[in-house]
Amino acid sequence: MLVRDIYGMGYERLGLGGDVIASSFGLAARRPNENRKPADMVKSLLITVSK
């Protein structure tokens, strides 16, 4: 989930562009019934720990 997904745009007041990662698992928590592949969750985790 990007900053723009939460705020609808960038959050320049804090120096955050809209494309900055705000949460990698926020959408998963919001939409638990979607079909997700384990590989998608692993990718999200890898992105989170590597940023």
Foldseek 3Di string as FASTA:
>chain_A
DFPCVVVVAAPPVVPGGRRHDPDLCVVCVVCVPDDDDVVSVVVSVVVVVVD
